[in-house]
Full PDB file with SEQRES, HELIX, SHEET, SSBOND, CRYST1, ORIGX, SCALE, CONECT and MASTER records, all heavy atoms in Angstrom:
SEQRES   1 A   44  ALA SER ALA VAL ALA ALA ARG PRO ALA SER ASP PRO CYS          
SEQRES   2 A   44  THR PRO ASP GLY GLY PRO LEU ALA HIS VAL ALA ASN PRO          
SEQRES   3 A   44  ALA TYR VAL ILE TYR THR SER GLY SER THR GLY THR PRO          
SEQRES   4 A   44  LYS GLY VAL VAL VAL                                          
HELIX    1 AA1 SER A    2  ALA A    5  1                                   4    
SHEET    1 AA1 2 VAL A  29  THR A  32  0                                        
SHEET    2 AA1 2 LYS A  40  VAL A  43 -1                                        
CRYST1    1.000    1.000    1.000  90.00  90.00  90.00 P 1           1          
ORIGX1      1.000000  0.000000  0.000000        0.00000                         
ORIGX2      0.000000  1.000000  0.000000        0.00000                         
ORIGX3      0.000000  0.000000  1.000000        0.00000                         
SCALE1      1.000000  0.000000  0.000000        0.00000                         
SCALE2      0.000000  1.000000  0.000000        0.00000                         
SCALE3      0.000000  0.000000  1.000000        0.00000                         
ATOM      1  N   ALA A   1     102.837  75.864  84.788  1.00  0.00           N  
ATOM      2  CA  ALA A   1     101.508  75.561  84.271  1.00  0.00           C  
ATOM      3  C   ALA A   1     101.150  74.094  84.470  1.00  0.00           C  
ATOM      4  O   ALA A   1     100.027  73.760  84.882  1.00  0.00           O  
ATOM      5  CB  ALA A   1     101.425  75.936  82.795  1.00  0.00           C  
ATOM      6  N   SER A   2     102.090  73.205  84.205  1.00  0.00           N  
ATOM      7  CA  SER A   2     101.796  71.775  84.358  1.00  0.00           C  
ATOM      8  C   SER A   2     101.666  71.391  85.826  1.00  0.00           C  
ATOM      9  O   SER A   2     100.820  70.561  86.185  1.00  0.00           O  
ATOM     10  CB  SER A   2     102.881  70.937  83.679  1.00  0.00           C  
ATOM     11  OG  SER A   2     104.152  71.191  84.265  1.00  0.00           O  
ATOM     12  N   ALA A   3     102.493  72.003  86.674  1.00  0.00           N  
ATOM     13  CA  ALA A   3     102.417  71.699  88.109  1.00  0.00           C  
ATOM     14  C   ALA A   3     101.090  72.161  88.699  1.00  0.00           C  
ATOM     15  O   ALA A   3     100.452  71.446  89.484  1.00  0.00           O  
ATOM     16  CB  ALA A   3     103.583  72.353  88.847  1.00  0.00           C  
ATOM     17  N   VAL A   4     100.665  73.376  88.317  1.00  0.00           N  
ATOM     18  CA  VAL A   4      99.397  73.901  88.828  1.00  0.00           C  
ATOM     19  C   VAL A   4      98.228  73.059  88.320  1.00  0.00           C  
ATOM     20  O   VAL A   4      97.290  72.752  89.066  1.00  0.00           O  
ATOM     21  CB  VAL A   4      99.226  75.380  88.422  1.00  0.00           C  
ATOM     22  CG1 VAL A   4      97.817  75.867  88.734  1.00  0.00           C  
ATOM     23  CG2 VAL A   4     100.262  76.253  89.124  1.00  0.00           C  
ATOM     24  N   ALA A   5      98.277  72.649  87.058  1.00  0.00           N  
ATOM     25  CA  ALA A   5      97.186  71.859  86.474  1.00  0.00           C  
ATOM     26  C   ALA A   5      97.002  70.517  87.182  1.00  0.00           C  
ATOM     27  O   ALA A   5      95.906  69.944  87.159  1.00  0.00           O  
ATOM     28  CB  ALA A   5      97.450  71.633  84.986  1.00  0.00           C  
ATOM     29  N   ALA A   6      98.062  70.038  87.814  1.00  0.00           N  
ATOM     30  CA  ALA A   6      97.990  68.743  88.493  1.00  0.00           C  
ATOM     31  C   ALA A   6      97.459  68.844  89.924  1.00  0.00           C  
ATOM     32  O   ALA A   6      97.227  67.819  90.573  1.00  0.00           O  
ATOM     33  CB  ALA A   6      99.380  68.103  88.513  1.00  0.00           C  
ATOM     34  N   ARG A   7      97.265  70.057  90.400  1.00  0.00           N  
ATOM     35  CA  ARG A   7      96.782  70.237  91.775  1.00  0.00           C  
ATOM     36  C   ARG A   7      95.285  69.959  91.870  1.00  0.00           C  
ATOM     37  O   ARG A   7      94.564  70.009  90.870  1.00  0.00           O  
ATOM     38  CB  ARG A   7      97.085  71.658  92.256  1.00  0.00           C  
ATOM     39  CG  ARG A   7      98.557  72.032  92.264  1.00  0.00           C  
ATOM     40  CD  ARG A   7      99.359  71.186  93.222  1.00  0.00           C  
ATOM     41  NE  ARG A   7     100.772  71.616  93.241  1.00  0.00           N  
ATOM     42  CZ  ARG A   7     101.735  70.966  93.864  1.00  0.00           C  
ATOM     43  NH1 ARG A   7     101.434  69.845  94.518  1.00  0.00           N  
ATOM     44  NH2 ARG A   7     102.978  71.407  93.843  1.00  0.00           N  
ATOM     45  N   PRO A   8      94.774  69.730  93.095  1.00  0.00           N  
ATOM     46  CA  PRO A   8      93.336  69.447  93.264  1.00  0.00           C  
ATOM     47  C   PRO A   8      92.471  70.640  92.864  1.00  0.00           C  
ATOM     48  O   PRO A   8      92.886  71.796  92.977  1.00  0.00           O  
ATOM     49  CB  PRO A   8      93.208  69.167  94.776  1.00  0.00           C  
ATOM     50  CG  PRO A   8      94.589  68.803  95.222  1.00  0.00           C  
ATOM     51  CD  PRO A   8      95.523  69.579  94.355  1.00  0.00           C  
ATOM     52  N   ALA A   9      91.260  70.332  92.418  1.00  0.00           N  
ATOM     53  CA  ALA A   9      90.312  71.381  92.029  1.00  0.00           C  
ATOM     54  C   ALA A   9      89.412  71.795  93.190  1.00  0.00           C  
ATOM     55  O   ALA A   9      88.608  72.718  93.053  1.00  0.00           O  
ATOM     56  CB  ALA A   9      89.450  70.893  90.874  1.00  0.00           C  
ATOM     57  N   SER A  10      89.554  71.136  94.334  1.00  0.00           N  
ATOM     58  CA  SER A  10      88.677  71.391  95.480  1.00  0.00           C  
ATOM     59  C   SER A  10      89.059  72.681  96.205  1.00  0.00           C  
ATOM     60  O   SER A  10      90.199  73.150  96.136  1.00  0.00           O  
ATOM     61  CB  SER A  10      88.773  70.221  96.463  1.00  0.00           C  
ATOM     62  OG  SER A  10      90.127  70.032  96.860  1.00  0.00           O  
ATOM     63  N   ASP A  11      88.099  73.255  96.921  1.00  0.00           N  
ATOM     64  CA  ASP A  11      88.369  74.450  97.721  1.00  0.00           C  
ATOM     65  C   ASP A  11      89.345  74.104  98.839  1.00  0.00           C  
ATOM     66  O   ASP A  11      89.085  73.176  99.618  1.00  0.00           O  
ATOM     67  CB  ASP A  11      87.069  74.993  98.336  1.00  0.00           C  
ATOM     68  CG  ASP A  11      86.091  75.511  97.297  1.00  0.00           C  
ATOM     69  OD1 ASP A  11      86.547  76.099  96.306  1.00  0.00           O  
ATOM     70  OD2 ASP A  11      84.868  75.335  97.496  1.00  0.00           O  
ATOM     71  N   PRO A  12      90.458  74.820  98.963  1.00  0.00           N  
ATOM     72  CA  PRO A  12      91.410  74.538 100.048  1.00  0.00           C  
ATOM     73  C   PRO A  12      90.753  74.774 101.416  1.00  0.00           C  
ATOM     74  O   PRO A  12      89.938  75.693 101.564  1.00  0.00           O  
ATOM     75  CB  PRO A  12      92.537  75.542  99.802  1.00  0.00           C  
ATOM     76  CG  PRO A  12      92.410  75.936  98.367  1.00  0.00           C  
ATOM     77  CD  PRO A  12      90.939  75.888  98.078  1.00  0.00           C  
ATOM     78  N   CYS A  13      91.117  73.981 102.389  1.00  0.00           N  
ATOM     79  CA  CYS A  13      90.557  74.144 103.736  1.00  0.00           C  
ATOM     80  C   CYS A  13      91.472  73.465 104.743  1.00  0.00           C  
ATOM     81  O   CYS A  13      92.406  72.750 104.378  1.00  0.00           O  
ATOM     82  CB  CYS A  13      89.148  73.560 103.815  1.00  0.00           C  
ATOM     83  SG  CYS A  13      89.064  71.785 103.467  1.00  0.00           S  
ATOM     84  N   THR A  14      91.209  73.699 106.017  1.00  0.00           N  
ATOM     85  CA  THR A  14      91.949  73.045 107.090  1.00  0.00           C  
ATOM     86  C   THR A  14      91.500  71.580 107.178  1.00  0.00           C  
ATOM     87  O   THR A  14      90.492  71.198 106.577  1.00  0.00           O  
ATOM     88  CB  THR A  14      91.675  73.743 108.426  1.00  0.00           C  
ATOM     89  OG1 THR A  14      90.275  73.638 108.714  1.00  0.00           O  
ATOM     90  CG2 THR A  14      92.068  75.216 108.373  1.00  0.00           C  
ATOM     91  N   PRO A  15      92.221  70.734 107.926  1.00  0.00           N  
ATOM     92  CA  PRO A  15      91.821  69.323 108.049  1.00  0.00           C  
ATOM     93  C   PRO A  15      90.389  69.125 108.534  1.00  0.00           C  
ATOM     94  O   PRO A  15      89.743  68.135 108.191  1.00  0.00           O  
ATOM     95  CB  PRO A  15      92.836  68.767 109.058  1.00  0.00           C  
ATOM     96  CG  PRO A  15      94.060  69.605 108.842  1.00  0.00           C  
ATOM     97  CD  PRO A  15      93.539  70.989 108.555  1.00  0.00           C  
ATOM     98  N   ASP A  16      89.882  70.098 109.322  1.00  0.00           N  
ATOM     99  CA  ASP A  16      88.498  69.953 109.804  1.00  0.00           C  
ATOM    100  C   ASP A  16      87.494  70.682 108.916  1.00  0.00           C  
ATOM    101  O   ASP A  16      86.328  70.859 109.288  1.00  0.00           O  
ATOM    102  CB  ASP A  16      88.378  70.428 111.252  1.00  0.00           C  
ATOM    103  CG  ASP A  16      88.735  71.900 111.420  1.00  0.00           C  
ATOM    104  OD1 ASP A  16      89.113  72.540 110.403  1.00  0.00           O  
ATOM    105  OD2 ASP A  16      88.630  72.421 112.545  1.00  0.00           O  
ATOM    106  N   GLY A  17      87.949  71.122 107.737  1.00  0.00           N  
ATOM    107  CA  GLY A  17      87.039  71.742 106.788  1.00  0.00           C  
ATOM    108  C   GLY A  17      86.861  73.233 106.929  1.00  0.00           C  
ATOM    109  O   GLY A  17      86.030  73.833 106.244  1.00  0.00           O  
ATOM    110  N   GLY A  18      87.641  73.880 107.791  1.00  0.00           N  
ATOM    111  CA  GLY A  18      87.511  75.315 108.015  1.00  0.00           C  
ATOM    112  C   GLY A  18      88.344  76.135 107.035  1.00  0.00           C  
ATOM    113  O   GLY A  18      89.145  75.592 106.266  1.00  0.00           O  
ATOM    114  N   PRO A  19      88.172  77.452 107.060  1.00  0.00           N  
ATOM    115  CA  PRO A  19      88.931  78.325 106.166  1.00  0.00           C  
ATOM    116  C   PRO A  19      90.389  78.426 106.587  1.00  0.00           C  
ATOM    117  O   PRO A  19      90.733  78.224 107.757  1.00  0.00           O  
ATOM    118  CB  PRO A  19      88.228  79.675 106.309  1.00  0.00           C  
ATOM    119  CG  PRO A  19      87.642  79.646 107.689  1.00  0.00           C  
ATOM    120  CD  PRO A  19      87.232  78.216 107.920  1.00  0.00           C  
ATOM    121  N   LEU A  20      91.255  78.739 105.634  1.00  0.00           N  
ATOM    122  CA  LEU A  20      92.687  78.864 105.921  1.00  0.00           C  
ATOM    123  C   LEU A  20      93.060  80.254 106.425  1.00  0.00           C  
ATOM    124  O   LEU A  20      94.180  80.477 106.860  1.00  0.00           O  
ATOM    125  CB  LEU A  20      93.495  78.539 104.661  1.00  0.00           C  
ATOM    126  CG  LEU A  20      93.372  77.090 104.198  1.00  0.00           C  
ATOM    127  CD1 LEU A  20      94.140  76.872 102.902  1.00  0.00           C  
ATOM    128  CD2 LEU A  20      93.877  76.132 105.274  1.00  0.00           C  
ATOM    129  N   ALA A  21      92.122  81.180 106.348  1.00  0.00           N  
ATOM    130  CA  ALA A  21      92.322  82.511 106.924  1.00  0.00           C  
ATOM    131  C   ALA A  21      91.043  82.914 107.625  1.00  0.00           C  
ATOM    132  O   ALA A  21      89.960  82.368 107.351  1.00  0.00           O  
ATOM    133  CB  ALA A  21      92.674  83.525 105.835  1.00  0.00           C  
ATOM    134  N   HIS A  22      91.148  83.847 108.545  1.00  0.00           N  
ATOM    135  CA  HIS A  22      89.995  84.352 109.272  1.00  0.00           C  
ATOM    136  C   HIS A  22      89.860  85.849 109.017  1.00  0.00           C  
ATOM    137  O   HIS A  22      90.744  86.477 108.429  1.00  0.00           O  
ATOM    138  CB  HIS A  22      90.135  84.044 110.758  1.00  0.00           C  
ATOM    139  CG  HIS A  22      90.229  82.572 111.040  1.00  0.00           C  
ATOM    140  ND1 HIS A  22      89.134  81.733 111.009  1.00  0.00           N  
ATOM    141  CD2 HIS A  22      91.295  81.785 111.322  1.00  0.00           C  
ATOM    142  CE1 HIS A  22      89.516  80.494 111.261  1.00  0.00           C  
ATOM    143  NE2 HIS A  22      90.828  80.492 111.456  1.00  0.00           N  
ATOM    144  N   VAL A  23      88.747  86.422 109.447  1.00  0.00           N  
ATOM    145  CA  VAL A  23      88.477  87.821 109.100  1.00  0.00           C  
ATOM    146  C   VAL A  23      89.541  88.775 109.632  1.00  0.00           C  
ATOM    147  O   VAL A  23      89.741  89.852 109.074  1.00  0.00           O  
ATOM    148  CB  VAL A  23      87.078  88.263 109.584  1.00  0.00           C  
ATOM    149  CG1 VAL A  23      85.992  87.554 108.812  1.00  0.00           C  
ATOM    150  CG2 VAL A  23      86.912  88.050 111.079  1.00  0.00           C  
ATOM    151  N   ALA A  24      90.247  88.395 110.680  1.00  0.00           N  
ATOM    152  CA  ALA A  24      91.271  89.279 111.244  1.00  0.00           C  
ATOM    153  C   ALA A  24      92.592  89.197 110.484  1.00  0.00           C  
ATOM    154  O   ALA A  24      93.494  90.018 110.712  1.00  0.00           O  
ATOM    155  CB  ALA A  24      91.497  88.948 112.714  1.00  0.00           C  
ATOM    156  N   ASN A  25      92.724  88.229 109.582  1.00  0.00           N  
ATOM    157  CA  ASN A  25      93.956  88.103 108.793  1.00  0.00           C  
ATOM    158  C   ASN A  25      93.955  89.091 107.627  1.00  0.00           C  
ATOM    159  O   ASN A  25      92.898  89.462 107.116  1.00  0.00           O  
ATOM    160  CB  ASN A  25      94.099  86.691 108.249  1.00  0.00           C  
ATOM    161  CG  ASN A  25      94.382  85.654 109.312  1.00  0.00           C  
ATOM    162  OD1 ASN A  25      93.700  84.633 109.392  1.00  0.00           O  
ATOM    163  ND2 ASN A  25      95.385  85.896 110.155  1.00  0.00           N  
ATOM    164  N   PRO A  26      95.137  89.497 107.158  1.00  0.00           N  
ATOM    165  CA  PRO A  26      95.212  90.420 106.013  1.00  0.00           C  
ATOM    166  C   PRO A  26      94.652  89.788 104.743  1.00  0.00           C  
ATOM    167  O   PRO A  26      94.847  88.602 104.480  1.00  0.00           O  
ATOM    168  CB  PRO A  26      96.711  90.695 105.873  1.00  0.00           C  
ATOM    169  CG  PRO A  26      97.298  90.387 107.200  1.00  0.00           C  
ATOM    170  CD  PRO A  26      96.469  89.259 107.749  1.00  0.00           C  
ATOM    171  N   ALA A  27      93.948  90.616 103.951  1.00  0.00           N  
ATOM    172  CA  ALA A  27      93.439  90.189 102.650  1.00  0.00           C  
ATOM    173  C   ALA A  27      94.278  90.777 101.524  1.00  0.00           C  
ATOM    174  O   ALA A  27      94.548  90.108 100.526  1.00  0.00           O  
ATOM    175  CB  ALA A  27      91.984  90.610 102.476  1.00  0.00           C  
ATOM    176  N   TYR A  28      94.675  92.027 101.671  1.00  0.00           N  
ATOM    177  CA  TYR A  28      95.492  92.665 100.638  1.00  0.00           C  
ATOM    178  C   TYR A  28      96.333  93.780 101.240  1.00  0.00           C  
ATOM    179  O   TYR A  28      96.056  94.280 102.341  1.00  0.00           O  
ATOM    180  CB  TYR A  28      94.631  93.193  99.480  1.00  0.00           C  
ATOM    181  CG  TYR A  28      93.653  94.289  99.843  1.00  0.00           C  
ATOM    182  CD1 TYR A  28      94.021  95.637  99.808  1.00  0.00           C  
ATOM    183  CD2 TYR A  28      92.334  93.988 100.183  1.00  0.00           C  
ATOM    184  CE1 TYR A  28      93.116  96.643 100.120  1.00  0.00           C  
ATOM    185  CE2 TYR A  28      91.424  94.991 100.494  1.00  0.00           C  
ATOM    186  CZ  TYR A  28      91.816  96.317 100.461  1.00  0.00           C  
ATOM    187  OH  TYR A  28      90.917  97.307 100.776  1.00  0.00           O  
ATOM    188  N   VAL A  29      97.378  94.144 100.503  1.00  0.00           N  
ATOM    189  CA  VAL A  29      98.264  95.253 100.871  1.00  0.00           C  
ATOM    190  C   VAL A  29      98.325  96.194  99.674  1.00  0.00           C  
ATOM    191  O   VAL A  29      98.586  95.757  98.549  1.00  0.00           O  
ATOM    192  CB  VAL A  29      99.676  94.756 101.238  1.00  0.00           C  
ATOM    193  CG1 VAL A  29     100.595  95.945 101.545  1.00  0.00           C  
ATOM    194  CG2 VAL A  29      99.624  93.806 102.424  1.00  0.00           C  
ATOM    195  N   ILE A  30      98.064  97.472  99.908  1.00  0.00           N  
ATOM    196  CA  ILE A  30      98.134  98.481  98.864  1.00  0.00           C  
ATOM    197  C   ILE A  30      99.128  99.552  99.291  1.00  0.00           C  
ATOM    198  O   ILE A  30      99.061 100.047 100.421  1.00  0.00           O  
ATOM    199  CB  ILE A  30      96.759  99.134  98.612  1.00  0.00           C  
ATOM    200  CG1 ILE A  30      95.750  98.102  98.098  1.00  0.00           C  
ATOM    201  CG2 ILE A  30      96.883 100.316  97.649  1.00  0.00           C  
ATOM    202  CD1 ILE A  30      95.959  97.677  96.664  1.00  0.00           C  
ATOM    203  N   TYR A  31     100.046  99.896  98.402  1.00  0.00           N  
ATOM    204  CA  TYR A  31     101.026 100.945  98.713  1.00  0.00           C  
ATOM    205  C   TYR A  31     100.494 102.304  98.310  1.00  0.00           C  
ATOM    206  O   TYR A  31      99.957 102.488  97.220  1.00  0.00           O  
ATOM    207  CB  TYR A  31     102.357 100.662  98.016  1.00  0.00           C  
ATOM    208  CG  TYR A  31     103.251  99.777  98.855  1.00  0.00           C  
ATOM    209  CD1 TYR A  31     103.013  98.399  98.920  1.00  0.00           C  
ATOM    210  CD2 TYR A  31     104.278 100.296  99.625  1.00  0.00           C  
ATOM    211  CE1 TYR A  31     103.796  97.570  99.709  1.00  0.00           C  
ATOM    212  CE2 TYR A  31     105.067  99.476 100.426  1.00  0.00           C  
ATOM    213  CZ  TYR A  31     104.824  98.121 100.464  1.00  0.00           C  
ATOM    214  OH  TYR A  31     105.595  97.318 101.260  1.00  0.00           O  
ATOM    215  N   THR A  32     100.631 103.251  99.235  1.00  0.00           N  
ATOM    216  CA  THR A  32     100.205 104.619  98.987  1.00  0.00           C  
ATOM    217  C   THR A  32     101.356 105.554  99.349  1.00  0.00           C  
ATOM    218  O   THR A  32     102.361 105.130  99.912  1.00  0.00           O  
ATOM    219  CB  THR A  32      98.936 104.954  99.791  1.00  0.00           C  
ATOM    220  OG1 THR A  32      98.455 106.244  99.416  1.00  0.00           O  
ATOM    221  CG2 THR A  32      99.188 104.935 101.282  1.00  0.00           C  
ATOM    222  N   SER A  33     101.208 106.828  99.030  1.00  0.00           N  
ATOM    223  CA  SER A  33     102.297 107.774  99.210  1.00  0.00           C  
ATOM    224  C   SER A  33     102.570 108.024 100.688  1.00  0.00           C  
ATOM    225  O   SER A  33     101.661 107.973 101.523  1.00  0.00           O  
ATOM    226  CB  SER A  33     101.945 109.088  98.514  1.00  0.00           C  
ATOM    227  OG  SER A  33     103.015 109.985  98.530  1.00  0.00           O  
ATOM    228  N   GLY A  34     103.836 108.316 101.011  1.00  0.00           N  
ATOM    229  CA  GLY A  34     104.229 108.600 102.384  1.00  0.00           C  
ATOM    230  C   GLY A  34     104.672 110.034 102.564  1.00  0.00           C  
ATOM    231  O   GLY A  34     105.103 110.685 101.624  1.00  0.00           O  
ATOM    232  N   SER A  35     104.575 110.548 103.794  1.00  0.00           N  
ATOM    233  CA  SER A  35     104.902 111.943 104.060  1.00  0.00           C  
ATOM    234  C   SER A  35     106.377 112.251 103.835  1.00  0.00           C  
ATOM    235  O   SER A  35     106.761 113.393 103.623  1.00  0.00           O  
ATOM    236  CB  SER A  35     104.511 112.307 105.499  1.00  0.00           C  
ATOM    237  OG  SER A  35     105.166 111.462 106.419  1.00  0.00           O  
ATOM    238  N   THR A  36     107.225 111.222 103.854  1.00  0.00           N  
ATOM    239  CA  THR A  36     108.651 111.429 103.599  1.00  0.00           C  
ATOM    240  C   THR A  36     108.992 111.230 102.131  1.00  0.00           C  
ATOM    241  O   THR A  36     110.148 111.328 101.747  1.00  0.00           O  
ATOM    242  CB  THR A  36     109.486 110.440 104.430  1.00  0.00           C  
ATOM    243  OG1 THR A  36     109.150 109.099 104.028  1.00  0.00           O  
ATOM    244  CG2 THR A  36     109.209 110.604 105.910  1.00  0.00           C  
ATOM    245  N   GLY A  37     107.992 110.920 101.328  1.00  0.00           N  
ATOM    246  CA  GLY A  37     108.252 110.608  99.929  1.00  0.00           C  
ATOM    247  C   GLY A  37     108.455 109.123  99.701  1.00  0.00           C  
ATOM    248  O   GLY A  37     108.604 108.683  98.574  1.00  0.00           O  
ATOM    249  N   THR A  38     108.460 108.335 100.791  1.00  0.00           N  
ATOM    250  CA  THR A  38     108.625 106.883 100.695  1.00  0.00           C  
ATOM    251  C   THR A  38     107.251 106.217 100.750  1.00  0.00           C  
ATOM    252  O   THR A  38     106.502 106.454 101.689  1.00  0.00           O  
ATOM    253  CB  THR A  38     109.490 106.355 101.854  1.00  0.00           C  
ATOM    254  OG1 THR A  38     110.758 106.998 101.819  1.00  0.00           O  
ATOM    255  CG2 THR A  38     109.681 104.851 101.735  1.00  0.00           C  
ATOM    256  N   PRO A  39     106.906 105.392  99.766  1.00  0.00           N  
ATOM    257  CA  PRO A  39     105.594 104.726  99.796  1.00  0.00           C  
ATOM    258  C   PRO A  39     105.449 103.851 101.037  1.00  0.00           C  
ATOM    259  O   PRO A  39     106.432 103.344 101.589  1.00  0.00           O  
ATOM    260  CB  PRO A  39     105.599 103.881  98.523  1.00  0.00           C  
ATOM    261  CG  PRO A  39     106.619 104.513  97.643  1.00  0.00           C  
ATOM    262  CD  PRO A  39     107.669 105.066  98.556  1.00  0.00           C  
ATOM    263  N   LYS A  40     104.218 103.682 101.479  1.00  0.00           N  
ATOM    264  CA  LYS A  40     103.945 102.850 102.652  1.00  0.00           C  
ATOM    265  C   LYS A  40     102.827 101.872 102.320  1.00  0.00           C  
ATOM    266  O   LYS A  40     101.877 102.199 101.613  1.00  0.00           O  
ATOM    267  CB  LYS A  40     103.566 103.710 103.855  1.00  0.00           C  
ATOM    268  CG  LYS A  40     102.374 104.640 103.630  1.00  0.00           C  
ATOM    269  CD  LYS A  40     102.192 105.582 104.805  1.00  0.00           C  
ATOM    270  CE  LYS A  40     100.933 106.443 104.645  1.00  0.00           C  
ATOM    271  NZ  LYS A  40     101.033 107.394 103.525  1.00  0.00           N  
ATOM    272  N   GLY A  41     102.969 100.653 102.821  1.00  0.00           N  
ATOM    273  CA  GLY A  41     101.976  99.624 102.557  1.00  0.00           C  
ATOM    274  C   GLY A  41     100.871  99.639 103.587  1.00  0.00           C  
ATOM    275  O   GLY A  41     101.132  99.630 104.792  1.00  0.00           O  
ATOM    276  N   VAL A  42      99.626  99.660 103.128  1.00  0.00           N  
ATOM    277  CA  VAL A  42      98.464  99.608 104.013  1.00  0.00           C  
ATOM    278  C   VAL A  42      97.960  98.169 104.054  1.00  0.00           C  
ATOM    279  O   VAL A  42      97.678  97.576 103.008  1.00  0.00           O  
ATOM    280  CB  VAL A  42      97.346 100.546 103.513  1.00  0.00           C  
ATOM    281  CG1 VAL A  42      96.162 100.503 104.471  1.00  0.00           C  
ATOM    282  CG2 VAL A  42      97.866 101.975 103.365  1.00  0.00           C  
ATOM    283  N   VAL A  43      97.860  97.610 105.252  1.00  0.00           N  
ATOM    284  CA  VAL A  43      97.445  96.219 105.430  1.00  0.00           C  
ATOM    285  C   VAL A  43      95.957  96.197 105.772  1.00  0.00           C  
ATOM    286  O   VAL A  43      95.536  96.685 106.826  1.00  0.00           O  
ATOM    287  CB  VAL A  43      98.252  95.538 106.553  1.00  0.00           C  
ATOM    288  CG1 VAL A  43      97.818  94.076 106.702  1.00  0.00           C  
ATOM    289  CG2 VAL A  43      99.741  95.641 106.275  1.00  0.00           C  
ATOM    290  N   VAL A  44      95.152  95.629 104.877  1.00  0.00           N  
ATOM    291  CA  VAL A  44      93.695  95.591 105.057  1.00  0.00           C  
ATOM    292  C   VAL A  44      93.263  94.144 105.277  1.00  0.00           C  
ATOM    293  O   VAL A  44      93.626  93.258 104.497  1.00  0.00           O  
ATOM    294  CB  VAL A  44      92.976  96.189 103.835  1.00  0.00           C  
ATOM    295  CG1 VAL A  44      91.461  96.163 104.040  1.00  0.00           C  
ATOM    296  CG2 VAL A  44      93.449  97.621 103.578  1.00  0.00           C  
TER     297      VAL A  44                                                      
MASTER        0    0    0    1    2    0    0    6  296    1    0    4          
END                                                                             
């Protein structure tokens, strides 16, 4: 908690001010059921 509170409040960005991820990068992973009974992660 103390370490996080000491971090900058600004929006993170690259040195040239761009985003740190692009639309082709993964946003989230959700696990759903698998045909073998083993859950599988879907990368969106």
